[in-house]
Amino acid sequence: MNASNAAWPTPRLEQQFDRFNEGADLAGRNFERLLATQFDGYRDWVAALNGRSAPAERLEQHLDQSVQLGCSLFVAQISAMTDAMQLLEKSVAEQQRNMLASLDAQPATLGQPLKQAVCVSACAFDSLSKASRQVANFASNRFAAATKSALQQARDKLSENS
């Protein structure tokens, strides 16, 4: 009953490969999303610059597309952050379950204080995760609204000057 020699659970090699594959898939999806967004923006810019419309109309089109591209890139980055946060939450929850399972095997006098500490840290982590998701969602929504407002103001200014 030597507690110092009790082994903490280590993730199996299969679990580590699964986490690595999930992370690689996540990175690949988000990289593709960012590249597709950048490609769409580049295509729109080239079309606006090579268009046969009046210069003021081309400027308005270019402005709209530039702001929309910035918004799309921001949303893609927020999505990437949210995906990464979900993967992290899944990994931390799995580690906490494993740790609690190993503490159940310990004598109550040794395991109970550690179990309480793990539970408190789990609650703190859950609260911070929820707060970061809410901040990301709020920022994304407010940014989209600000983008629309900026576009409308720019259109109004352009129409006043023409």
N, C-alpha and C. Protein backbone atom coordinates (compact mmCIF):
# COMPACT_ATOMS: atom_id res chain seq x y z
N MET A 1 0.82 -1.18 0.00
CA MET A 1 0.00 0.00 0.00
C MET A 1 0.87 1.25 0.00
N ASN A 2 1.85 1.24 -0.82
CA ASN A 2 2.76 2.37 -0.95
C ASN A 2 2.21 3.31 -2.03
N ALA A 3 1.64 4.43 -1.61
CA ALA A 3 0.97 5.34 -2.54
C ALA A 3 1.96 6.00 -3.50
N SER A 4 3.19 6.18 -3.08
CA SER A 4 4.13 6.86 -3.96
C SER A 4 4.50 6.00 -5.16
N ASN A 5 4.32 4.69 -5.06
CA ASN A 5 4.62 3.81 -6.18
C ASN A 5 3.41 3.54 -7.06
N ALA A 6 2.24 4.09 -6.69
CA ALA A 6 1.03 3.87 -7.48
C ALA A 6 1.20 4.55 -8.83
N ALA A 7 0.93 3.82 -9.86
CA ALA A 7 1.12 4.35 -11.22
C ALA A 7 -0.10 5.16 -11.64
N TRP A 8 0.15 6.35 -12.18
CA TRP A 8 -0.92 7.14 -12.78
C TRP A 8 -1.23 6.53 -14.13
N PRO A 9 -2.46 6.59 -14.54
CA PRO A 9 -2.79 6.00 -15.84
C PRO A 9 -2.14 6.81 -16.96
N THR A 10 -1.51 6.13 -17.84
CA THR A 10 -0.93 6.79 -19.01
C THR A 10 -1.79 6.44 -20.21
N PRO A 11 -1.96 7.38 -21.11
CA PRO A 11 -2.78 7.10 -22.28
C PRO A 11 -2.15 5.97 -23.10
N ARG A 12 -3.02 5.12 -23.56
CA ARG A 12 -2.53 4.03 -24.42
C ARG A 12 -2.06 4.63 -25.73
N LEU A 13 -1.20 3.89 -26.38
CA LEU A 13 -0.65 4.34 -27.65
C LEU A 13 -1.77 4.58 -28.67
N GLU A 14 -2.78 3.73 -28.64
CA GLU A 14 -3.91 3.88 -29.56
C GLU A 14 -4.65 5.20 -29.32
N GLN A 15 -4.84 5.57 -28.05
CA GLN A 15 -5.49 6.83 -27.73
C GLN A 15 -4.66 8.02 -28.21
N GLN A 16 -3.35 7.90 -28.04
CA GLN A 16 -2.48 8.98 -28.50
C GLN A 16 -2.54 9.14 -30.02
N PHE A 17 -2.57 8.02 -30.73
CA PHE A 17 -2.69 8.09 -32.19
C PHE A 17 -4.04 8.68 -32.59
N ASP A 18 -5.10 8.31 -31.88
CA ASP A 18 -6.42 8.86 -32.18
C ASP A 18 -6.43 10.38 -31.99
N ARG A 19 -5.86 10.85 -30.88
CA ARG A 19 -5.79 12.29 -30.65
C ARG A 19 -4.96 12.99 -31.72
N PHE A 20 -3.84 12.37 -32.07
CA PHE A 20 -2.99 12.95 -33.11
C PHE A 20 -3.74 13.03 -34.44
N ASN A 21 -4.45 11.96 -34.80
CA ASN A 21 -5.22 11.95 -36.06
C ASN A 21 -6.34 12.98 -36.03
N GLU A 22 -7.03 13.10 -34.91
CA GLU A 22 -8.08 14.11 -34.80
C GLU A 22 -7.50 15.52 -34.97
N GLY A 23 -6.37 15.76 -34.34
CA GLY A 23 -5.72 17.07 -34.47
C GLY A 23 -5.27 17.34 -35.90
N ALA A 24 -4.72 16.31 -36.56
CA ALA A 24 -4.28 16.48 -37.95
C ALA A 24 -5.48 16.73 -38.87
N ASP A 25 -6.58 15.99 -38.66
CA ASP A 25 -7.79 16.21 -39.46
C ASP A 25 -8.34 17.62 -39.23
N LEU A 26 -8.34 18.04 -37.99
CA LEU A 26 -8.81 19.38 -37.65
C LEU A 26 -7.96 20.44 -38.34
N ALA A 27 -6.65 20.29 -38.27
CA ALA A 27 -5.76 21.25 -38.92
C ALA A 27 -5.97 21.25 -40.43
N GLY A 28 -6.14 20.08 -41.02
CA GLY A 28 -6.36 19.99 -42.47
C GLY A 28 -7.65 20.67 -42.89
N ARG A 29 -8.74 20.42 -42.15
CA ARG A 29 -10.03 21.04 -42.48
C ARG A 29 -9.95 22.56 -42.38
N ASN A 30 -9.34 23.04 -41.31
CA ASN A 30 -9.26 24.49 -41.12
C ASN A 30 -8.32 25.14 -42.12
N PHE A 31 -7.25 24.46 -42.49
CA PHE A 31 -6.34 24.99 -43.51
C PHE A 31 -7.08 25.09 -44.85
N GLU A 32 -7.84 24.04 -45.20
CA GLU A 32 -8.62 24.08 -46.45
C GLU A 32 -9.64 25.20 -46.42
N ARG A 33 -10.29 25.40 -45.27
CA ARG A 33 -11.29 26.46 -45.14
C ARG A 33 -10.65 27.83 -45.36
N LEU A 34 -9.49 28.05 -44.74
CA LEU A 34 -8.81 29.34 -44.92
C LEU A 34 -8.34 29.54 -46.36
N LEU A 35 -7.80 28.49 -46.98
CA LEU A 35 -7.36 28.61 -48.38
C LEU A 35 -8.53 28.87 -49.31
N ALA A 36 -9.64 28.18 -49.10
CA ALA A 36 -10.82 28.39 -49.95
C ALA A 36 -11.33 29.82 -49.80
N THR A 37 -11.33 30.33 -48.59
CA THR A 37 -11.78 31.70 -48.36
C THR A 37 -10.85 32.70 -49.05
N GLN A 38 -9.55 32.48 -48.92
CA GLN A 38 -8.60 33.37 -49.58
C GLN A 38 -8.72 33.28 -51.10
N PHE A 39 -8.91 32.08 -51.63
CA PHE A 39 -9.07 31.92 -53.08
C PHE A 39 -10.32 32.65 -53.57
N ASP A 40 -11.42 32.50 -52.85
CA ASP A 40 -12.65 33.19 -53.23
C ASP A 40 -12.45 34.71 -53.23
N GLY A 41 -11.76 35.20 -52.21
CA GLY A 41 -11.49 36.64 -52.15
C GLY A 41 -10.62 37.11 -53.30
N TYR A 42 -9.59 36.35 -53.62
CA TYR A 42 -8.70 36.70 -54.74
C TYR A 42 -9.48 36.70 -56.05
N ARG A 43 -10.30 35.69 -56.26
CA ARG A 43 -11.09 35.59 -57.48
C ARG A 43 -12.03 36.79 -57.60
N ASP A 44 -12.67 37.17 -56.50
CA ASP A 44 -13.58 38.31 -56.52
C ASP A 44 -12.83 39.62 -56.80
N TRP A 45 -11.64 39.77 -56.21
CA TRP A 45 -10.85 40.97 -56.45
C TRP A 45 -10.46 41.08 -57.92
N VAL A 46 -10.00 39.99 -58.49
CA VAL A 46 -9.60 40.01 -59.90
C VAL A 46 -10.80 40.34 -60.78
N ALA A 47 -11.94 39.75 -60.48
CA ALA A 47 -13.15 40.03 -61.27
C ALA A 47 -13.55 41.50 -61.14
N ALA A 48 -13.43 42.04 -59.94
CA ALA A 48 -13.80 43.45 -59.74
C ALA A 48 -12.84 44.38 -60.47
N LEU A 49 -11.56 44.06 -60.45
CA LEU A 49 -10.57 44.92 -61.11
C LEU A 49 -10.65 44.84 -62.63
N ASN A 50 -11.02 43.69 -63.15
CA ASN A 50 -11.08 43.50 -64.60
C ASN A 50 -12.47 43.75 -65.17
N GLY A 51 -13.39 44.17 -64.33
CA GLY A 51 -14.75 44.40 -64.79
C GLY A 51 -14.85 45.59 -65.72
N ARG A 52 -15.92 45.65 -66.47
CA ARG A 52 -16.12 46.72 -67.44
C ARG A 52 -17.12 47.76 -66.92
N SER A 53 -17.28 47.81 -65.62
CA SER A 53 -18.23 48.77 -65.06
C SER A 53 -17.53 50.10 -64.78
N ALA A 54 -18.31 51.07 -64.37
CA ALA A 54 -17.78 52.41 -64.07
C ALA A 54 -16.84 52.33 -62.87
N PRO A 55 -15.85 53.24 -62.80
CA PRO A 55 -14.88 53.19 -61.69
C PRO A 55 -15.53 53.26 -60.31
N ALA A 56 -16.55 54.09 -60.15
CA ALA A 56 -17.21 54.19 -58.84
C ALA A 56 -17.88 52.87 -58.47
N GLU A 57 -18.49 52.24 -59.46
CA GLU A 57 -19.14 50.95 -59.22
C GLU A 57 -18.11 49.87 -58.88
N ARG A 58 -16.97 49.91 -59.60
CA ARG A 58 -15.90 48.94 -59.31
C ARG A 58 -15.34 49.16 -57.92
N LEU A 59 -15.18 50.42 -57.53
CA LEU A 59 -14.67 50.72 -56.19
C LEU A 59 -15.63 50.19 -55.12
N GLU A 60 -16.92 50.42 -55.34
CA GLU A 60 -17.91 49.92 -54.38
C GLU A 60 -17.88 48.40 -54.31
N GLN A 61 -17.79 47.75 -55.46
CA GLN A 61 -17.71 46.30 -55.51
C GLN A 61 -16.46 45.80 -54.80
N HIS A 62 -15.34 46.45 -55.08
CA HIS A 62 -14.06 46.07 -54.47
C HIS A 62 -14.12 46.25 -52.95
N LEU A 63 -14.71 47.33 -52.50
CA LEU A 63 -14.85 47.59 -51.07
C LEU A 63 -15.72 46.53 -50.41
N ASP A 64 -16.87 46.24 -51.03
CA ASP A 64 -17.75 45.20 -50.49
C ASP A 64 -17.03 43.87 -50.36
N GLN A 65 -16.35 43.49 -51.42
CA GLN A 65 -15.69 42.19 -51.43
C GLN A 65 -14.53 42.14 -50.45
N SER A 66 -13.82 43.25 -50.28
CA SER A 66 -12.71 43.28 -49.33
C SER A 66 -13.20 43.12 -47.90
N VAL A 67 -14.25 43.83 -47.56
CA VAL A 67 -14.79 43.73 -46.21
C VAL A 67 -15.38 42.34 -45.97
N GLN A 68 -16.07 41.80 -46.97
CA GLN A 68 -16.63 40.46 -46.83
C GLN A 68 -15.52 39.41 -46.69
N LEU A 69 -14.42 39.61 -47.41
CA LEU A 69 -13.29 38.69 -47.27
C LEU A 69 -12.72 38.74 -45.86
N GLY A 70 -12.54 39.94 -45.34
CA GLY A 70 -12.04 40.07 -43.97
C GLY A 70 -12.96 39.40 -42.97
N CYS A 71 -14.25 39.58 -43.15
CA CYS A 71 -15.23 38.94 -42.27
C CYS A 71 -15.17 37.42 -42.40
N SER A 72 -15.07 36.93 -43.63
CA SER A 72 -15.00 35.48 -43.86
C SER A 72 -13.74 34.88 -43.24
N LEU A 73 -12.61 35.57 -43.35
CA LEU A 73 -11.37 35.08 -42.74
C LEU A 73 -11.49 35.07 -41.22
N PHE A 74 -12.11 36.09 -40.66
CA PHE A 74 -12.30 36.14 -39.22
C PHE A 74 -13.18 34.98 -38.76
N VAL A 75 -14.27 34.74 -39.46
CA VAL A 75 -15.17 33.64 -39.10
C VAL A 75 -14.46 32.29 -39.23
N ALA A 76 -13.63 32.14 -40.26
CA ALA A 76 -12.88 30.89 -40.42
C ALA A 76 -11.92 30.68 -39.26
N GLN A 77 -11.30 31.75 -38.80
CA GLN A 77 -10.39 31.63 -37.66
C GLN A 77 -11.14 31.32 -36.37
N ILE A 78 -12.29 31.93 -36.19
CA ILE A 78 -13.11 31.63 -35.01
C ILE A 78 -13.55 30.17 -35.04
N SER A 79 -13.93 29.68 -36.22
CA SER A 79 -14.32 28.27 -36.35
C SER A 79 -13.16 27.35 -36.02
N ALA A 80 -11.97 27.70 -36.48
CA ALA A 80 -10.79 26.89 -36.17
C ALA A 80 -10.52 26.87 -34.67
N MET A 81 -10.65 28.03 -34.04
CA MET A 81 -10.44 28.10 -32.59
C MET A 81 -11.47 27.26 -31.84
N THR A 82 -12.72 27.33 -32.28
CA THR A 82 -13.78 26.56 -31.64
C THR A 82 -13.54 25.07 -31.80
N ASP A 83 -13.15 24.64 -33.00
CA ASP A 83 -12.84 23.23 -33.22
C ASP A 83 -11.69 22.76 -32.35
N ALA A 84 -10.64 23.57 -32.25
CA ALA A 84 -9.49 23.21 -31.42
C ALA A 84 -9.89 23.15 -29.94
N MET A 85 -10.74 24.07 -29.51
CA MET A 85 -11.19 24.07 -28.13
C MET A 85 -12.00 22.81 -27.82
N GLN A 86 -12.83 22.37 -28.75
CA GLN A 86 -13.61 21.15 -28.54
C GLN A 86 -12.70 19.93 -28.43
N LEU A 87 -11.67 19.88 -29.25
CA LEU A 87 -10.71 18.78 -29.18
C LEU A 87 -9.97 18.80 -27.84
N LEU A 88 -9.58 19.97 -27.39
CA LEU A 88 -8.91 20.10 -26.11
C LEU A 88 -9.83 19.68 -24.96
N GLU A 89 -11.08 20.12 -25.01
CA GLU A 89 -12.04 19.75 -23.96
C GLU A 89 -12.23 18.24 -23.90
N LYS A 90 -12.31 17.62 -25.05
CA LYS A 90 -12.46 16.16 -25.11
C LYS A 90 -11.25 15.47 -24.48
N SER A 91 -10.07 15.95 -24.80
CA SER A 91 -8.84 15.36 -24.28
C SER A 91 -8.74 15.54 -22.77
N VAL A 92 -9.04 16.74 -22.28
CA VAL A 92 -8.97 17.01 -20.84
C VAL A 92 -10.00 16.18 -20.09
N ALA A 93 -11.21 16.06 -20.63
CA ALA A 93 -12.24 15.25 -19.97
C ALA A 93 -11.81 13.79 -19.88
N GLU A 94 -11.19 13.29 -20.92
CA GLU A 94 -10.70 11.90 -20.90
C GLU A 94 -9.61 11.72 -19.86
N GLN A 95 -8.70 12.69 -19.77
CA GLN A 95 -7.64 12.61 -18.76
C GLN A 95 -8.22 12.66 -17.35
N GLN A 96 -9.21 13.51 -17.14
CA GLN A 96 -9.83 13.60 -15.82
C GLN A 96 -10.54 12.30 -15.44
N ARG A 97 -11.23 11.70 -16.40
CA ARG A 97 -11.89 10.41 -16.13
C ARG A 97 -10.87 9.35 -15.75
N ASN A 98 -9.77 9.30 -16.49
CA ASN A 98 -8.73 8.32 -16.18
C ASN A 98 -8.12 8.56 -14.80
N MET A 99 -7.90 9.83 -14.47
CA MET A 99 -7.31 10.14 -13.17
C MET A 99 -8.27 9.78 -12.05
N LEU A 100 -9.56 10.10 -12.22
CA LEU A 100 -10.54 9.75 -11.20
C LEU A 100 -10.66 8.24 -11.03
N ALA A 101 -10.58 7.51 -12.13
CA ALA A 101 -10.65 6.05 -12.04
C ALA A 101 -9.45 5.50 -11.27
N SER A 102 -8.29 6.07 -11.49
CA SER A 102 -7.11 5.59 -10.76
C SER A 102 -7.17 5.99 -9.28
N LEU A 103 -7.78 7.14 -8.99
CA LEU A 103 -7.91 7.56 -7.59
C LEU A 103 -8.92 6.70 -6.84
N ASP A 104 -9.89 6.15 -7.56
CA ASP A 104 -10.85 5.25 -6.92
C ASP A 104 -10.16 4.00 -6.38
N ALA A 105 -9.06 3.62 -7.01
CA ALA A 105 -8.33 2.43 -6.57
C ALA A 105 -7.45 2.72 -5.36
N GLN A 106 -7.25 3.98 -5.02
CA GLN A 106 -6.42 4.35 -3.87
C GLN A 106 -7.25 4.27 -2.59
N PRO A 107 -6.58 4.15 -1.45
CA PRO A 107 -7.30 4.21 -0.18
C PRO A 107 -8.00 5.57 -0.05
N ALA A 108 -9.13 5.59 0.61
CA ALA A 108 -9.95 6.81 0.69
C ALA A 108 -9.18 7.98 1.31
N THR A 109 -8.32 7.70 2.28
CA THR A 109 -7.59 8.79 2.93
C THR A 109 -6.62 9.46 1.97
N LEU A 110 -6.11 8.72 1.01
CA LEU A 110 -5.20 9.29 0.02
C LEU A 110 -5.93 9.83 -1.20
N GLY A 111 -6.92 9.09 -1.66
CA GLY A 111 -7.58 9.44 -2.91
C GLY A 111 -8.60 10.54 -2.82
N GLN A 112 -9.29 10.66 -1.67
CA GLN A 112 -10.40 11.61 -1.56
C GLN A 112 -9.95 13.06 -1.74
N PRO A 113 -8.90 13.53 -1.09
CA PRO A 113 -8.49 14.94 -1.32
C PRO A 113 -8.10 15.20 -2.77
N LEU A 114 -7.43 14.24 -3.38
CA LEU A 114 -7.05 14.42 -4.79
C LEU A 114 -8.27 14.40 -5.70
N LYS A 115 -9.24 13.54 -5.40
CA LYS A 115 -10.47 13.50 -6.20
C LYS A 115 -11.19 14.84 -6.13
N GLN A 116 -11.23 15.42 -4.93
CA GLN A 116 -11.88 16.72 -4.79
C GLN A 116 -11.15 17.79 -5.59
N ALA A 117 -9.83 17.74 -5.56
CA ALA A 117 -9.04 18.72 -6.32
C ALA A 117 -9.27 18.56 -7.82
N VAL A 118 -9.34 17.31 -8.29
CA VAL A 118 -9.59 17.07 -9.72
C VAL A 118 -10.99 17.56 -10.09
N CYS A 119 -11.97 17.33 -9.23
CA CYS A 119 -13.33 17.80 -9.52
C CYS A 119 -13.41 19.32 -9.56
N VAL A 120 -12.72 19.99 -8.63
CA VAL A 120 -12.70 21.45 -8.62
C VAL A 120 -12.03 21.98 -9.89
N SER A 121 -10.91 21.37 -10.27
CA SER A 121 -10.22 21.83 -11.49
C SER A 121 -11.07 21.57 -12.72
N ALA A 122 -11.83 20.47 -12.72
CA ALA A 122 -12.73 20.18 -13.85
C ALA A 122 -13.81 21.26 -13.96
N CYS A 123 -14.36 21.66 -12.83
CA CYS A 123 -15.38 22.72 -12.84
C CYS A 123 -14.80 24.04 -13.34
N ALA A 124 -13.60 24.37 -12.88
CA ALA A 124 -12.95 25.61 -13.32
C ALA A 124 -12.68 25.57 -14.82
N PHE A 125 -12.18 24.44 -15.31
CA PHE A 125 -11.89 24.30 -16.74
C PHE A 125 -13.17 24.41 -17.56
N ASP A 126 -14.25 23.76 -17.10
CA ASP A 126 -15.52 23.84 -17.81
C ASP A 126 -16.04 25.28 -17.87
N SER A 127 -15.90 26.00 -16.77
CA SER A 127 -16.36 27.40 -16.74
C SER A 127 -15.55 28.26 -17.71
N LEU A 128 -14.24 28.09 -17.72
CA LEU A 128 -13.40 28.86 -18.63
C LEU A 128 -13.67 28.49 -20.09
N SER A 129 -13.91 27.22 -20.35
CA SER A 129 -14.22 26.79 -21.71
C SER A 129 -15.52 27.41 -22.20
N LYS A 130 -16.51 27.38 -21.32
CA LYS A 130 -17.81 27.96 -21.68
C LYS A 130 -17.67 29.47 -21.92
N ALA A 131 -16.92 30.14 -21.07
CA ALA A 131 -16.72 31.58 -21.23
C ALA A 131 -16.00 31.89 -22.54
N SER A 132 -14.98 31.10 -22.88
CA SER A 132 -14.25 31.37 -24.12
C SER A 132 -15.12 31.12 -25.34
N ARG A 133 -15.99 30.11 -25.29
CA ARG A 133 -16.92 29.87 -26.40
C ARG A 133 -17.90 31.04 -26.54
N GLN A 134 -18.40 31.53 -25.41
CA GLN A 134 -19.33 32.66 -25.45
C GLN A 134 -18.66 33.92 -26.00
N VAL A 135 -17.43 34.16 -25.59
CA VAL A 135 -16.70 35.33 -26.09
C VAL A 135 -16.49 35.21 -27.60
N ALA A 136 -16.09 34.02 -28.06
CA ALA A 136 -15.87 33.82 -29.50
C ALA A 136 -17.17 34.01 -30.27
N ASN A 137 -18.26 33.48 -29.75
CA ASN A 137 -19.56 33.62 -30.42
C ASN A 137 -19.99 35.09 -30.45
N PHE A 138 -19.84 35.77 -29.33
CA PHE A 138 -20.20 37.19 -29.26
C PHE A 138 -19.36 38.01 -30.22
N ALA A 139 -18.05 37.76 -30.21
CA ALA A 139 -17.16 38.52 -31.10
C ALA A 139 -17.50 38.28 -32.56
N SER A 140 -17.78 37.04 -32.90
CA SER A 140 -18.12 36.72 -34.28
C SER A 140 -19.41 37.42 -34.71
N ASN A 141 -20.42 37.38 -33.86
CA ASN A 141 -21.70 38.02 -34.19
C ASN A 141 -21.56 39.54 -34.27
N ARG A 142 -20.86 40.13 -33.31
CA ARG A 142 -20.69 41.58 -33.31
C ARG A 142 -19.85 42.04 -34.49
N PHE A 143 -18.84 41.25 -34.85
CA PHE A 143 -17.99 41.60 -35.98
C PHE A 143 -18.80 41.59 -37.27
N ALA A 144 -19.66 40.58 -37.42
CA ALA A 144 -20.49 40.51 -38.63
C ALA A 144 -21.43 41.71 -38.70
N ALA A 145 -22.02 42.09 -37.57
CA ALA A 145 -22.92 43.25 -37.55
C ALA A 145 -22.15 44.54 -37.85
N ALA A 146 -20.96 44.66 -37.29
CA ALA A 146 -20.15 45.86 -37.54
C ALA A 146 -19.73 45.93 -39.00
N THR A 147 -19.46 44.78 -39.59
CA THR A 147 -19.08 44.74 -41.00
C THR A 147 -20.22 45.25 -41.88
N LYS A 148 -21.42 44.77 -41.61
CA LYS A 148 -22.58 45.22 -42.39
C LYS A 148 -22.80 46.72 -42.22
N SER A 149 -22.64 47.20 -41.01
CA SER A 149 -22.81 48.63 -40.74
C SER A 149 -21.75 49.45 -41.48
N ALA A 150 -20.51 48.98 -41.45
CA ALA A 150 -19.43 49.70 -42.15
C ALA A 150 -19.67 49.73 -43.65
N LEU A 151 -20.14 48.62 -44.20
CA LEU A 151 -20.44 48.58 -45.63
C LEU A 151 -21.54 49.58 -45.99
N GLN A 152 -22.57 49.62 -45.17
CA GLN A 152 -23.68 50.54 -45.45
C GLN A 152 -23.21 51.99 -45.36
N GLN A 153 -22.39 52.29 -44.37
CA GLN A 153 -21.88 53.65 -44.24
C GLN A 153 -20.99 54.02 -45.42
N ALA A 154 -20.17 53.08 -45.87
CA ALA A 154 -19.31 53.35 -47.03
C ALA A 154 -20.14 53.58 -48.28
N ARG A 155 -21.19 52.79 -48.46
CA ARG A 155 -22.08 52.98 -49.62
C ARG A 155 -22.74 54.36 -49.57
N ASP A 156 -23.19 54.73 -48.38
CA ASP A 156 -23.82 56.04 -48.24
C ASP A 156 -22.86 57.17 -48.59
N LYS A 157 -21.62 57.06 -48.15
CA LYS A 157 -20.61 58.08 -48.46
C LYS A 157 -20.31 58.12 -49.96
N LEU A 158 -20.21 56.94 -50.57
CA LEU A 158 -19.94 56.89 -52.01
C LEU A 158 -21.10 57.49 -52.81
N SER A 159 -22.32 57.23 -52.38
CA SER A 159 -23.47 57.77 -53.11
C SER A 159 -23.58 59.29 -52.92
N GLU A 160 -23.14 59.81 -51.78
CA GLU A 160 -23.14 61.25 -51.56
C GLU A 160 -22.15 61.95 -52.48
N ASN A 161 -21.00 61.31 -52.71
CA ASN A 161 -19.93 61.92 -53.50
C ASN A 161 -20.16 61.80 -55.00
N SER A 162 -21.06 60.93 -55.41
CA SER A 162 -21.25 60.78 -56.86
C SER A 162 -22.42 61.55 -57.38
